[in-house]
N, C-alpha and C. Protein backbone atom coordinates (compact mmCIF):
# COMPACT_ATOMS: atom_id res chain seq x y z
N MET A 1 0.84 -1.18 0.00
CA MET A 1 0.00 0.00 0.00
C MET A 1 0.89 1.25 0.00
N THR A 2 0.61 2.16 -0.88
CA THR A 2 1.37 3.40 -0.97
C THR A 2 0.70 4.46 -0.12
N LYS A 3 1.51 5.17 0.66
CA LYS A 3 1.00 6.28 1.46
C LYS A 3 1.43 7.58 0.82
N ARG A 4 0.56 8.56 0.87
CA ARG A 4 0.90 9.87 0.36
C ARG A 4 1.42 10.74 1.48
N SER A 5 2.37 11.54 1.16
CA SER A 5 2.93 12.47 2.12
C SER A 5 2.77 13.88 1.56
N TYR A 6 2.27 14.76 2.36
CA TYR A 6 2.07 16.13 1.92
C TYR A 6 2.99 17.06 2.70
N CYS A 7 3.28 18.17 2.13
CA CYS A 7 4.21 19.13 2.71
C CYS A 7 3.48 20.04 3.71
N TRP A 8 3.94 20.06 4.95
CA TRP A 8 3.31 20.89 5.97
C TRP A 8 3.44 22.37 5.64
N ALA A 9 4.55 22.77 5.05
CA ALA A 9 4.75 24.19 4.72
C ALA A 9 3.72 24.65 3.69
N HIS A 10 3.43 23.81 2.71
CA HIS A 10 2.42 24.18 1.71
C HIS A 10 1.04 24.23 2.34
N SER A 11 0.75 23.31 3.23
CA SER A 11 -0.53 23.32 3.94
C SER A 11 -0.65 24.59 4.79
N ARG A 12 0.42 24.92 5.48
CA ARG A 12 0.41 26.12 6.32
C ARG A 12 0.14 27.36 5.48
N ARG A 13 0.74 27.43 4.30
CA ARG A 13 0.53 28.58 3.43
C ARG A 13 -0.94 28.73 3.05
N LYS A 14 -1.62 27.60 2.79
CA LYS A 14 -3.04 27.66 2.45
C LYS A 14 -3.87 28.19 3.62
N PHE A 15 -3.54 27.76 4.85
CA PHE A 15 -4.25 28.29 6.01
C PHE A 15 -3.95 29.77 6.19
N TYR A 16 -2.72 30.18 5.94
CA TYR A 16 -2.35 31.59 6.03
C TYR A 16 -3.16 32.41 5.04
N GLU A 17 -3.32 31.91 3.82
CA GLU A 17 -4.11 32.62 2.81
C GLU A 17 -5.57 32.73 3.24
N LEU A 18 -6.09 31.69 3.87
CA LEU A 18 -7.46 31.75 4.39
C LEU A 18 -7.59 32.80 5.49
N ILE A 19 -6.60 32.87 6.36
CA ILE A 19 -6.62 33.85 7.45
C ILE A 19 -6.60 35.26 6.87
N LYS A 20 -5.70 35.50 5.93
CA LYS A 20 -5.57 36.83 5.33
C LYS A 20 -6.83 37.23 4.56
N GLY A 21 -7.50 36.26 3.95
CA GLY A 21 -8.65 36.57 3.11
C GLY A 21 -9.99 36.53 3.82
N SER A 22 -10.01 36.22 5.10
CA SER A 22 -11.27 36.06 5.81
C SER A 22 -11.53 37.22 6.76
N SER A 23 -12.80 37.59 6.85
CA SER A 23 -13.20 38.60 7.82
C SER A 23 -14.14 38.01 8.87
N ASP A 24 -14.46 36.73 8.76
CA ASP A 24 -15.35 36.05 9.70
C ASP A 24 -14.55 35.57 10.90
N LEU A 25 -14.72 36.23 12.04
CA LEU A 25 -13.93 35.91 13.22
C LEU A 25 -14.18 34.49 13.73
N ASN A 26 -15.37 33.96 13.56
CA ASN A 26 -15.65 32.59 14.00
C ASN A 26 -14.82 31.59 13.20
N ASN A 27 -14.72 31.77 11.91
CA ASN A 27 -13.90 30.90 11.08
C ASN A 27 -12.42 31.06 11.39
N LEU A 28 -12.01 32.27 11.68
CA LEU A 28 -10.59 32.54 11.93
C LEU A 28 -10.07 31.79 13.15
N LYS A 29 -10.90 31.61 14.17
CA LYS A 29 -10.45 30.90 15.37
C LYS A 29 -10.01 29.48 15.03
N GLU A 30 -10.82 28.78 14.27
CA GLU A 30 -10.50 27.39 13.91
C GLU A 30 -9.34 27.33 12.92
N ILE A 31 -9.35 28.21 11.95
CA ILE A 31 -8.27 28.23 10.96
C ILE A 31 -6.95 28.57 11.64
N ASN A 32 -6.98 29.54 12.54
CA ASN A 32 -5.76 29.94 13.25
C ASN A 32 -5.22 28.79 14.10
N LEU A 33 -6.10 28.00 14.69
CA LEU A 33 -5.67 26.83 15.47
C LEU A 33 -4.87 25.86 14.60
N PHE A 34 -5.36 25.57 13.39
CA PHE A 34 -4.63 24.69 12.48
C PHE A 34 -3.30 25.33 12.08
N PHE A 35 -3.32 26.62 11.79
CA PHE A 35 -2.10 27.33 11.39
C PHE A 35 -1.04 27.24 12.50
N LEU A 36 -1.44 27.50 13.74
CA LEU A 36 -0.50 27.44 14.86
C LEU A 36 -0.02 26.01 15.12
N SER A 37 -0.89 25.03 14.92
CA SER A 37 -0.49 23.63 15.10
C SER A 37 0.57 23.23 14.08
N ILE A 38 0.38 23.64 12.84
CA ILE A 38 1.36 23.34 11.80
C ILE A 38 2.68 24.04 12.11
N ASN A 39 2.63 25.27 12.59
CA ASN A 39 3.86 25.98 12.99
C ASN A 39 4.61 25.19 14.05
N GLU A 40 3.89 24.66 15.02
CA GLU A 40 4.52 23.88 16.09
C GLU A 40 5.16 22.61 15.54
N ILE A 41 4.46 21.93 14.63
CA ILE A 41 5.00 20.72 14.00
C ILE A 41 6.30 21.05 13.26
N LEU A 42 6.30 22.13 12.49
CA LEU A 42 7.50 22.52 11.74
C LEU A 42 8.64 22.92 12.66
N LYS A 43 8.33 23.58 13.76
CA LYS A 43 9.36 23.97 14.72
C LYS A 43 10.02 22.74 15.35
N ILE A 44 9.20 21.78 15.76
CA ILE A 44 9.73 20.55 16.36
C ILE A 44 10.55 19.78 15.32
N ASP A 45 10.04 19.69 14.10
CA ASP A 45 10.74 18.94 13.06
C ASP A 45 12.08 19.58 12.72
N ALA A 46 12.15 20.89 12.74
CA ALA A 46 13.42 21.57 12.48
C ALA A 46 14.46 21.20 13.53
N GLU A 47 14.04 21.11 14.78
CA GLU A 47 14.95 20.69 15.85
C GLU A 47 15.39 19.24 15.68
N ILE A 48 14.45 18.39 15.31
CA ILE A 48 14.75 16.97 15.11
C ILE A 48 15.80 16.79 14.01
N ARG A 49 15.67 17.53 12.92
CA ARG A 49 16.60 17.39 11.80
C ARG A 49 18.00 17.85 12.11
N LYS A 50 18.18 18.61 13.18
CA LYS A 50 19.53 19.03 13.59
C LYS A 50 20.31 17.88 14.21
N GLY A 51 19.59 16.85 14.64
CA GLY A 51 20.22 15.75 15.35
C GLY A 51 20.74 14.66 14.43
N ASN A 52 20.95 13.53 15.02
CA ASN A 52 21.48 12.36 14.34
C ASN A 52 20.48 11.81 13.33
N TYR A 53 20.95 11.47 12.14
CA TYR A 53 20.07 10.98 11.08
C TYR A 53 19.26 9.76 11.51
N GLU A 54 19.86 8.85 12.25
CA GLU A 54 19.17 7.63 12.67
C GLU A 54 18.04 7.90 13.67
N GLU A 55 18.06 9.06 14.29
CA GLU A 55 17.05 9.40 15.29
C GLU A 55 15.85 10.14 14.71
N ILE A 56 15.93 10.54 13.46
CA ILE A 56 14.88 11.38 12.88
C ILE A 56 13.52 10.68 12.93
N VAL A 57 13.41 9.50 12.36
CA VAL A 57 12.11 8.81 12.30
C VAL A 57 11.58 8.49 13.70
N PRO A 58 12.38 7.89 14.58
CA PRO A 58 11.84 7.62 15.93
C PRO A 58 11.39 8.88 16.67
N ARG A 59 12.15 9.95 16.52
CA ARG A 59 11.77 11.20 17.21
C ARG A 59 10.52 11.81 16.59
N ARG A 60 10.38 11.73 15.27
CA ARG A 60 9.15 12.22 14.64
C ARG A 60 7.95 11.43 15.14
N GLU A 61 8.13 10.12 15.24
CA GLU A 61 7.05 9.27 15.75
C GLU A 61 6.68 9.67 17.18
N ALA A 62 7.67 9.95 17.99
CA ALA A 62 7.43 10.25 19.40
C ALA A 62 6.95 11.68 19.64
N GLU A 63 7.48 12.64 18.88
CA GLU A 63 7.22 14.03 19.17
C GLU A 63 6.20 14.70 18.26
N VAL A 64 6.17 14.31 17.00
CA VAL A 64 5.28 14.97 16.04
C VAL A 64 3.95 14.23 15.88
N ARG A 65 4.01 12.91 15.81
CA ARG A 65 2.78 12.14 15.60
C ARG A 65 1.67 12.46 16.59
N PRO A 66 1.97 12.61 17.89
CA PRO A 66 0.88 12.95 18.82
C PRO A 66 0.16 14.26 18.47
N LEU A 67 0.86 15.19 17.87
CA LEU A 67 0.23 16.44 17.45
C LEU A 67 -0.67 16.27 16.25
N ILE A 68 -0.38 15.26 15.45
CA ILE A 68 -1.16 15.00 14.24
C ILE A 68 -2.38 14.14 14.55
N ASP A 69 -2.18 13.14 15.40
CA ASP A 69 -3.27 12.23 15.75
C ASP A 69 -4.26 12.93 16.62
């Protein structure tokens, strides 16, 4: 079975565009939550990539997956 992987940065950009283009404050709360969550994922992943190559996947599983699930 093939799994698809999408780029968090591209997803974040789409949420950013929604935030910039929206004037509905109720929608902005939920959209902003996703935007901030993606920022946190990218921040953690940037730290993980500074480390040892062999630790990348296990650390992503331990630190990033809980934010996604």
